[in-house]
């Protein structure tokens, strides 16, 4: 929880006020998706299952957030 709080605090002091919500949601999603991919060794089906989302939804978010899934594969 502390990481999320730090992300929010940092952004409130440096960002455009109008874009705070979108930025914070994207950053939190990126952290959560990254952790799921780490735990699943890059297996998107397993990560999607962990997160409770469809694989296509996860894949779309990975592209949107520019997450390099290659770094999670062993």
PDB file of N, CA and C in Angstrom:
ATOM      1  N   UNK A   1       0.818  -1.195   0.000  1.00  0.00           N
ATOM      2  CA  UNK A   1       0.000   0.000   0.000  1.00  0.00           C
ATOM      3  C   UNK A   1       0.865   1.264   0.000  1.00  0.00           C
ATOM      4  N   UNK A   2       2.018   1.175   0.610  1.00  0.00           N
ATOM      5  CA  UNK A   2       2.899   2.330   0.680  1.00  0.00           C
ATOM      6  C   UNK A   2       3.348   2.778  -0.712  1.00  0.00           C
ATOM      7  N   UNK A   3       3.622   1.832  -1.632  1.00  0.00           N
ATOM      8  CA  UNK A   3       4.021   2.190  -2.991  1.00  0.00           C
ATOM      9  C   UNK A   3       2.927   2.996  -3.682  1.00  0.00           C
ATOM     10  N   UNK A   4       1.694   2.565  -3.521  1.00  0.00           N
ATOM     11  CA  UNK A   4       0.574   3.263  -4.147  1.00  0.00           C
ATOM     12  C   UNK A   4       0.447   4.669  -3.569  1.00  0.00           C
ATOM     13  N   UNK A   5       0.567   4.773  -2.294  1.00  0.00           N
ATOM     14  CA  UNK A   5       0.486   6.078  -1.644  1.00  0.00           C
ATOM     15  C   UNK A   5       1.597   7.004  -2.144  1.00  0.00           C
ATOM     16  N   UNK A   6       2.792   6.466  -2.319  1.00  0.00           N
ATOM     17  CA  UNK A   6       3.911   7.269  -2.837  1.00  0.00           C
ATOM     18  C   UNK A   6       3.656   7.734  -4.264  1.00  0.00           C
ATOM     19  N   UNK A   7       3.113   6.850  -5.094  1.00  0.00           N
ATOM     20  CA  UNK A   7       2.790   7.215  -6.477  1.00  0.00           C
ATOM     21  C   UNK A   7       1.808   8.380  -6.478  1.00  0.00           C
ATOM     22  N   UNK A   8       0.779   8.269  -5.655  1.00  0.00           N
ATOM     23  CA  UNK A   8      -0.242   9.316  -5.594  1.00  0.00           C
ATOM     24  C   UNK A   8       0.354  10.624  -5.084  1.00  0.00           C
ATOM     25  N   UNK A   9       1.122  10.562  -4.000  1.00  0.00           N
ATOM     26  CA  UNK A   9       1.745  11.773  -3.460  1.00  0.00           C
ATOM     27  C   UNK A   9       2.654  12.439  -4.482  1.00  0.00           C
ATOM     28  N   UNK A  10       3.514  11.651  -5.135  1.00  0.00           N
ATOM     29  CA  UNK A  10       4.425  12.203  -6.136  1.00  0.00           C
ATOM     30  C   UNK A  10       3.657  12.900  -7.249  1.00  0.00           C
ATOM     31  N   UNK A  11       2.611  12.276  -7.705  1.00  0.00           N
ATOM     32  CA  UNK A  11       1.884  12.845  -8.826  1.00  0.00           C
ATOM     33  C   UNK A  11       1.150  14.133  -8.443  1.00  0.00           C
ATOM     34  N   UNK A  12       0.596  14.181  -7.256  1.00  0.00           N
ATOM     35  CA  UNK A  12      -0.107  15.391  -6.832  1.00  0.00           C
ATOM     36  C   UNK A  12       0.810  16.602  -6.818  1.00  0.00           C
ATOM     37  N   UNK A  13       2.092  16.400  -6.589  1.00  0.00           N
ATOM     38  CA  UNK A  13       3.026  17.527  -6.524  1.00  0.00           C
ATOM     39  C   UNK A  13       3.641  17.887  -7.866  1.00  0.00           C
ATOM     40  N   UNK A  14       3.525  17.005  -8.857  1.00  0.00           N
ATOM     41  CA  UNK A  14       4.216  17.262 -10.116  1.00  0.00           C
ATOM     42  C   UNK A  14       3.328  17.316 -11.347  1.00  0.00           C
ATOM     43  N   UNK A  15       2.074  16.953 -11.236  1.00  0.00           N
ATOM     44  CA  UNK A  15       1.253  16.743 -12.433  1.00  0.00           C
ATOM     45  C   UNK A  15       0.288  17.874 -12.721  1.00  0.00           C
ATOM     46  N   UNK A  16      -0.262  17.768 -13.915  1.00  0.00           N
ATOM     47  CA  UNK A  16      -1.362  18.637 -14.278  1.00  0.00           C
ATOM     48  C   UNK A  16      -2.573  18.171 -13.471  1.00  0.00           C
ATOM     49  N   UNK A  17      -3.243  19.041 -12.841  1.00  0.00           N
ATOM     50  CA  UNK A  17      -4.377  18.687 -11.971  1.00  0.00           C
ATOM     51  C   UNK A  17      -5.482  17.921 -12.705  1.00  0.00           C
ATOM     52  N   UNK A  18      -5.694  18.198 -13.979  1.00  0.00           N
ATOM     53  CA  UNK A  18      -6.799  17.596 -14.720  1.00  0.00           C
ATOM     54  C   UNK A  18      -6.578  16.117 -15.035  1.00  0.00           C
ATOM     55  N   UNK A  19      -5.376  15.637 -14.925  1.00  0.00           N
ATOM     56  CA  UNK A  19      -5.073  14.284 -15.387  1.00  0.00           C
ATOM     57  C   UNK A  19      -4.704  13.349 -14.251  1.00  0.00           C
ATOM     58  N   UNK A  20      -4.926  13.711 -13.036  1.00  0.00           N
ATOM     59  CA  UNK A  20      -4.483  12.922 -11.894  1.00  0.00           C
ATOM     60  C   UNK A  20      -5.123  11.538 -11.878  1.00  0.00           C
ATOM     61  N   UNK A  21      -6.423  11.465 -12.038  1.00  0.00           N
ATOM     62  CA  UNK A  21      -7.124  10.183 -11.941  1.00  0.00           C
ATOM     63  C   UNK A  21      -6.599   9.174 -12.962  1.00  0.00           C
ATOM     64  N   UNK A  22      -6.552   9.561 -14.235  1.00  0.00           N
ATOM     65  CA  UNK A  22      -6.095   8.650 -15.290  1.00  0.00           C
ATOM     66  C   UNK A  22      -4.677   8.167 -15.034  1.00  0.00           C
ATOM     67  N   UNK A  23      -3.801   9.083 -14.662  1.00  0.00           N
ATOM     68  CA  UNK A  23      -2.416   8.711 -14.409  1.00  0.00           C
ATOM     69  C   UNK A  23      -2.311   7.701 -13.264  1.00  0.00           C
ATOM     70  N   UNK A  24      -2.982   7.993 -12.171  1.00  0.00           N
ATOM     71  CA  UNK A  24      -2.894   7.122 -10.997  1.00  0.00           C
ATOM     72  C   UNK A  24      -3.453   5.740 -11.307  1.00  0.00           C
ATOM     73  N   UNK A  25      -4.593   5.675 -11.968  1.00  0.00           N
ATOM     74  CA  UNK A  25      -5.188   4.380 -12.319  1.00  0.00           C
ATOM     75  C   UNK A  25      -4.239   3.601 -13.222  1.00  0.00           C
ATOM     76  N   UNK A  26      -3.646   4.240 -14.210  1.00  0.00           N
ATOM     77  CA  UNK A  26      -2.705   3.561 -15.102  1.00  0.00           C
ATOM     78  C   UNK A  26      -1.478   3.052 -14.340  1.00  0.00           C
ATOM     79  N   UNK A  27      -0.948   3.866 -13.443  1.00  0.00           N
ATOM     80  CA  UNK A  27       0.233   3.447 -12.680  1.00  0.00           C
ATOM     81  C   UNK A  27      -0.081   2.272 -11.755  1.00  0.00           C
ATOM     82  N   UNK A  28      -1.234   2.305 -11.121  1.00  0.00           N
ATOM     83  CA  UNK A  28      -1.619   1.204 -10.237  1.00  0.00           C
ATOM     84  C   UNK A  28      -1.848  -0.058 -11.054  1.00  0.00           C
ATOM     85  N   UNK A  29      -2.541   0.062 -12.191  1.00  0.00           N
ATOM     86  CA  UNK A  29      -2.746  -1.100 -13.068  1.00  0.00           C
ATOM     87  C   UNK A  29      -1.416  -1.687 -13.509  1.00  0.00           C
ATOM     88  N   UNK A  30      -0.492  -0.828 -13.845  1.00  0.00           N
ATOM     89  CA  UNK A  30       0.815  -1.291 -14.308  1.00  0.00           C
ATOM     90  C   UNK A  30       1.530  -2.101 -13.223  1.00  0.00           C
ATOM     91  N   UNK A  31       1.476  -1.628 -11.978  1.00  0.00           N
ATOM     92  CA  UNK A  31       2.101  -2.343 -10.868  1.00  0.00           C
ATOM     93  C   UNK A  31       1.433  -3.697 -10.662  1.00  0.00           C
ATOM     94  N   UNK A  32       0.104  -3.724 -10.650  1.00  0.00           N
ATOM     95  CA  UNK A  32      -0.637  -4.958 -10.406  1.00  0.00           C
ATOM     96  C   UNK A  32      -0.399  -5.970 -11.526  1.00  0.00           C
ATOM     97  N   UNK A  33      -0.463  -5.524 -12.759  1.00  0.00           N
ATOM     98  CA  UNK A  33      -0.241  -6.419 -13.894  1.00  0.00           C
ATOM     99  C   UNK A  33       1.193  -6.929 -13.910  1.00  0.00           C
ATOM    100  N   UNK A  34       2.141  -6.055 -13.632  1.00  0.00           N
ATOM    101  CA  UNK A  34       3.547  -6.465 -13.580  1.00  0.00           C
ATOM    102  C   UNK A  34       3.763  -7.543 -12.526  1.00  0.00           C
ATOM    103  N   UNK A  35       3.182  -7.380 -11.355  1.00  0.00           N
ATOM    104  CA  UNK A  35       3.322  -8.377 -10.287  1.00  0.00           C
ATOM    105  C   UNK A  35       2.715  -9.712 -10.704  1.00  0.00           C
ATOM    106  N   UNK A  36       1.554  -9.678 -11.347  1.00  0.00           N
ATOM    107  CA  UNK A  36       0.921 -10.922 -11.803  1.00  0.00           C
ATOM    108  C   UNK A  36       1.776 -11.610 -12.868  1.00  0.00           C
ATOM    109  N   UNK A  37       2.361 -10.829 -13.766  1.00  0.00           N
ATOM    110  CA  UNK A  37       3.229 -11.413 -14.795  1.00  0.00           C
ATOM    111  C   UNK A  37       4.510 -11.981 -14.184  1.00  0.00           C
ATOM    112  N   UNK A  38       5.045 -11.307 -13.176  1.00  0.00           N
ATOM    113  CA  UNK A  38       6.231 -11.834 -12.484  1.00  0.00           C
ATOM    114  C   UNK A  38       5.907 -13.182 -11.845  1.00  0.00           C
ATOM    115  N   UNK A  39       4.790 -13.262 -11.147  1.00  0.00           N
ATOM    116  CA  UNK A  39       4.407 -14.489 -10.445  1.00  0.00           C
ATOM    117  C   UNK A  39       4.090 -15.628 -11.399  1.00  0.00           C
ATOM    118  N   UNK A  40       3.630 -15.282 -12.609  1.00  0.00           N
ATOM    119  CA  UNK A  40       3.275 -16.313 -13.591  1.00  0.00           C
ATOM    120  C   UNK A  40       4.384 -16.558 -14.610  1.00  0.00           C
ATOM    121  N   UNK A  41       5.558 -15.967 -14.374  1.00  0.00           N
ATOM    122  CA  UNK A  41       6.704 -16.086 -15.304  1.00  0.00           C
ATOM    123  C   UNK A  41       6.319 -15.689 -16.729  1.00  0.00           C
ATOM    124  N   UNK A  42       5.488 -14.663 -16.846  1.00  0.00           N
ATOM    125  CA  UNK A  42       5.106 -14.151 -18.155  1.00  0.00           C
ATOM    126  C   UNK A  42       3.941 -14.870 -18.800  1.00  0.00           C
ATOM    127  N   UNK A  43       3.364 -15.863 -18.133  1.00  0.00           N
ATOM    128  CA  UNK A  43       2.230 -16.594 -18.689  1.00  0.00           C
ATOM    129  C   UNK A  43       0.988 -15.721 -18.554  1.00  0.00           C
ATOM    130  N   UNK A  44       0.520 -15.212 -19.689  1.00  0.00           N
ATOM    131  CA  UNK A  44      -0.592 -14.266 -19.671  1.00  0.00           C
ATOM    132  C   UNK A  44      -1.912 -14.909 -19.258  1.00  0.00           C
ATOM    133  N   UNK A  45      -2.116 -16.173 -19.611  1.00  0.00           N
ATOM    134  CA  UNK A  45      -3.345 -16.864 -19.206  1.00  0.00           C
ATOM    135  C   UNK A  45      -3.383 -16.997 -17.691  1.00  0.00           C
ATOM    136  N   UNK A  46      -2.263 -17.417 -17.091  1.00  0.00           N
ATOM    137  CA  UNK A  46      -2.194 -17.551 -15.633  1.00  0.00           C
ATOM    138  C   UNK A  46      -2.321 -16.194 -14.951  1.00  0.00           C
ATOM    139  N   UNK A  47      -1.684 -15.172 -15.501  1.00  0.00           N
ATOM    140  CA  UNK A  47      -1.768 -13.834 -14.913  1.00  0.00           C
ATOM    141  C   UNK A  47      -3.202 -13.307 -14.984  1.00  0.00           C
ATOM    142  N   UNK A  48      -3.862 -13.519 -16.104  1.00  0.00           N
ATOM    143  CA  UNK A  48      -5.250 -13.075 -16.251  1.00  0.00           C
ATOM    144  C   UNK A  48      -6.139 -13.787 -15.236  1.00  0.00           C
ATOM    145  N   UNK A  49      -5.903 -15.061 -15.049  1.00  0.00           N
ATOM    146  CA  UNK A  49      -6.677 -15.827 -14.068  1.00  0.00           C
ATOM    147  C   UNK A  49      -6.461 -15.263 -12.659  1.00  0.00           C
ATOM    148  N   UNK A  50      -5.195 -14.973 -12.313  1.00  0.00           N
ATOM    149  CA  UNK A  50      -4.888 -14.378 -11.004  1.00  0.00           C
ATOM    150  C   UNK A  50      -5.634 -13.075 -10.796  1.00  0.00           C
ATOM    151  N   UNK A  51      -5.690 -12.267 -11.851  1.00  0.00           N
ATOM    152  CA  UNK A  51      -6.294 -10.945 -11.760  1.00  0.00           C
ATOM    153  C   UNK A  51      -7.817 -10.972 -11.898  1.00  0.00           C
ATOM    154  N   UNK A  52      -8.347 -12.098 -12.374  1.00  0.00           N
ATOM    155  CA  UNK A  52      -9.792 -12.206 -12.560  1.00  0.00           C
ATOM    156  C   UNK A  52     -10.302 -11.453 -13.770  1.00  0.00           C
ATOM    157  N   UNK A  53      -9.453 -11.366 -14.810  1.00  0.00           N
ATOM    158  CA  UNK A  53      -9.854 -10.714 -16.059  1.00  0.00           C
ATOM    159  C   UNK A  53      -9.640 -11.678 -17.214  1.00  0.00           C
ATOM    160  N   UNK A  54     -10.283 -11.405 -18.325  1.00  0.00           N
ATOM    161  CA  UNK A  54     -10.117 -12.222 -19.525  1.00  0.00           C
ATOM    162  C   UNK A  54      -8.719 -11.976 -20.104  1.00  0.00           C
ATOM    163  N   UNK A  55      -8.150 -12.986 -20.733  1.00  0.00           N
ATOM    164  CA  UNK A  55      -6.819 -12.869 -21.319  1.00  0.00           C
ATOM    165  C   UNK A  55      -6.741 -11.726 -22.331  1.00  0.00           C
ATOM    166  N   UNK A  56      -7.795 -11.535 -23.125  1.00  0.00           N
ATOM    167  CA  UNK A  56      -7.797 -10.440 -24.108  1.00  0.00           C
ATOM    168  C   UNK A  56      -7.762  -9.074 -23.427  1.00  0.00           C
ATOM    169  N   UNK A  57      -8.464  -8.961 -22.302  1.00  0.00           N
ATOM    170  CA  UNK A  57      -8.438  -7.706 -21.533  1.00  0.00           C
ATOM    171  C   UNK A  57      -7.036  -7.445 -21.015  1.00  0.00           C
ATOM    172  N   UNK A  58      -6.410  -8.480 -20.462  1.00  0.00           N
ATOM    173  CA  UNK A  58      -5.041  -8.335 -19.963  1.00  0.00           C
ATOM    174  C   UNK A  58      -4.099  -7.944 -21.090  1.00  0.00           C
ATOM    175  N   UNK A  59      -4.216  -8.615 -22.223  1.00  0.00           N
ATOM    176  CA  UNK A  59      -3.340  -8.324 -23.357  1.00  0.00           C
ATOM    177  C   UNK A  59      -3.510  -6.882 -23.819  1.00  0.00           C
ATOM    178  N   UNK A  60      -4.726  -6.402 -23.835  1.00  0.00           N
ATOM    179  CA  UNK A  60      -4.998  -5.014 -24.224  1.00  0.00           C
ATOM    180  C   UNK A  60      -4.344  -4.039 -23.246  1.00  0.00           C
ATOM    181  N   UNK A  61      -4.432  -4.328 -21.958  1.00  0.00           N
ATOM    182  CA  UNK A  61      -3.833  -3.458 -20.945  1.00  0.00           C
ATOM    183  C   UNK A  61      -2.304  -3.503 -21.020  1.00  0.00           C
ATOM    184  N   UNK A  62      -1.746  -4.659 -21.318  1.00  0.00           N
ATOM    185  CA  UNK A  62      -0.292  -4.794 -21.468  1.00  0.00           C
ATOM    186  C   UNK A  62       0.189  -3.882 -22.600  1.00  0.00           C
ATOM    187  N   UNK A  63      -0.525  -3.915 -23.714  1.00  0.00           N
ATOM    188  CA  UNK A  63      -0.161  -3.040 -24.848  1.00  0.00           C
ATOM    189  C   UNK A  63      -0.338  -1.571 -24.485  1.00  0.00           C
ATOM    190  N   UNK A  64      -1.474  -1.230 -23.870  1.00  0.00           N
ATOM    191  CA  UNK A  64      -1.772   0.161 -23.512  1.00  0.00           C
ATOM    192  C   UNK A  64      -0.732   0.736 -22.557  1.00  0.00           C
ATOM    193  N   UNK A  65      -0.268  -0.089 -21.624  1.00  0.00           N
ATOM    194  CA  UNK A  65       0.668   0.370 -20.597  1.00  0.00           C
ATOM    195  C   UNK A  65       2.133   0.138 -20.989  1.00  0.00           C
ATOM    196  N   UNK A  66       2.362  -0.373 -22.199  1.00  0.00           N
ATOM    197  CA  UNK A  66       3.717  -0.627 -22.709  1.00  0.00           C
ATOM    198  C   UNK A  66       4.531  -1.511 -21.772  1.00  0.00           C
ATOM    199  N   UNK A  67       3.944  -2.611 -21.340  1.00  0.00           N
ATOM    200  CA  UNK A  67       4.646  -3.559 -20.471  1.00  0.00           C
ATOM    201  C   UNK A  67       5.353  -4.571 -21.354  1.00  0.00           C
ATOM    202  N   UNK A  68       6.644  -4.734 -21.167  1.00  0.00           N
ATOM    203  CA  UNK A  68       7.452  -5.692 -21.918  1.00  0.00           C
ATOM    204  C   UNK A  68       7.328  -7.062 -21.265  1.00  0.00           C
ATOM    205  N   UNK A  69       6.512  -7.955 -21.837  1.00  0.00           N
ATOM    206  CA  UNK A  69       6.299  -9.256 -21.209  1.00  0.00           C
ATOM    207  C   UNK A  69       7.498 -10.177 -21.370  1.00  0.00           C
ATOM    208  N   UNK A  70       8.363  -9.894 -22.311  1.00  0.00           N
ATOM    209  CA  UNK A  70       9.544 -10.715 -22.519  1.00  0.00           C
ATOM    210  C   UNK A  70      10.456 -10.770 -21.283  1.00  0.00           C
ATOM    211  N   UNK A  71      10.435  -9.738 -20.489  1.00  0.00           N
ATOM    212  CA  UNK A  71      11.320  -9.703 -19.315  1.00  0.00           C
ATOM    213  C   UNK A  71      10.875 -10.638 -18.208  1.00  0.00           C
ATOM    214  N   UNK A  72       9.650 -11.174 -18.292  1.00  0.00           N
ATOM    215  CA  UNK A  72       9.134 -12.044 -17.257  1.00  0.00           C
ATOM    216  C   UNK A  72       9.338 -13.522 -17.566  1.00  0.00           C
ATOM    217  N   UNK A  73       9.651 -13.819 -18.812  1.00  0.00           N
ATOM    218  CA  UNK A  73       9.813 -15.222 -19.214  1.00  0.00           C
ATOM    219  C   UNK A  73      11.159 -15.753 -18.777  1.00  0.00           C
ATOM    220  N   UNK A  74      11.159 -16.989 -18.353  1.00  0.00           N
ATOM    221  CA  UNK A  74      12.402 -17.603 -17.887  1.00  0.00           C
ATOM    222  C   UNK A  74      12.931 -18.577 -18.904  1.00  0.00           C
TER     223      UNK A  74
END
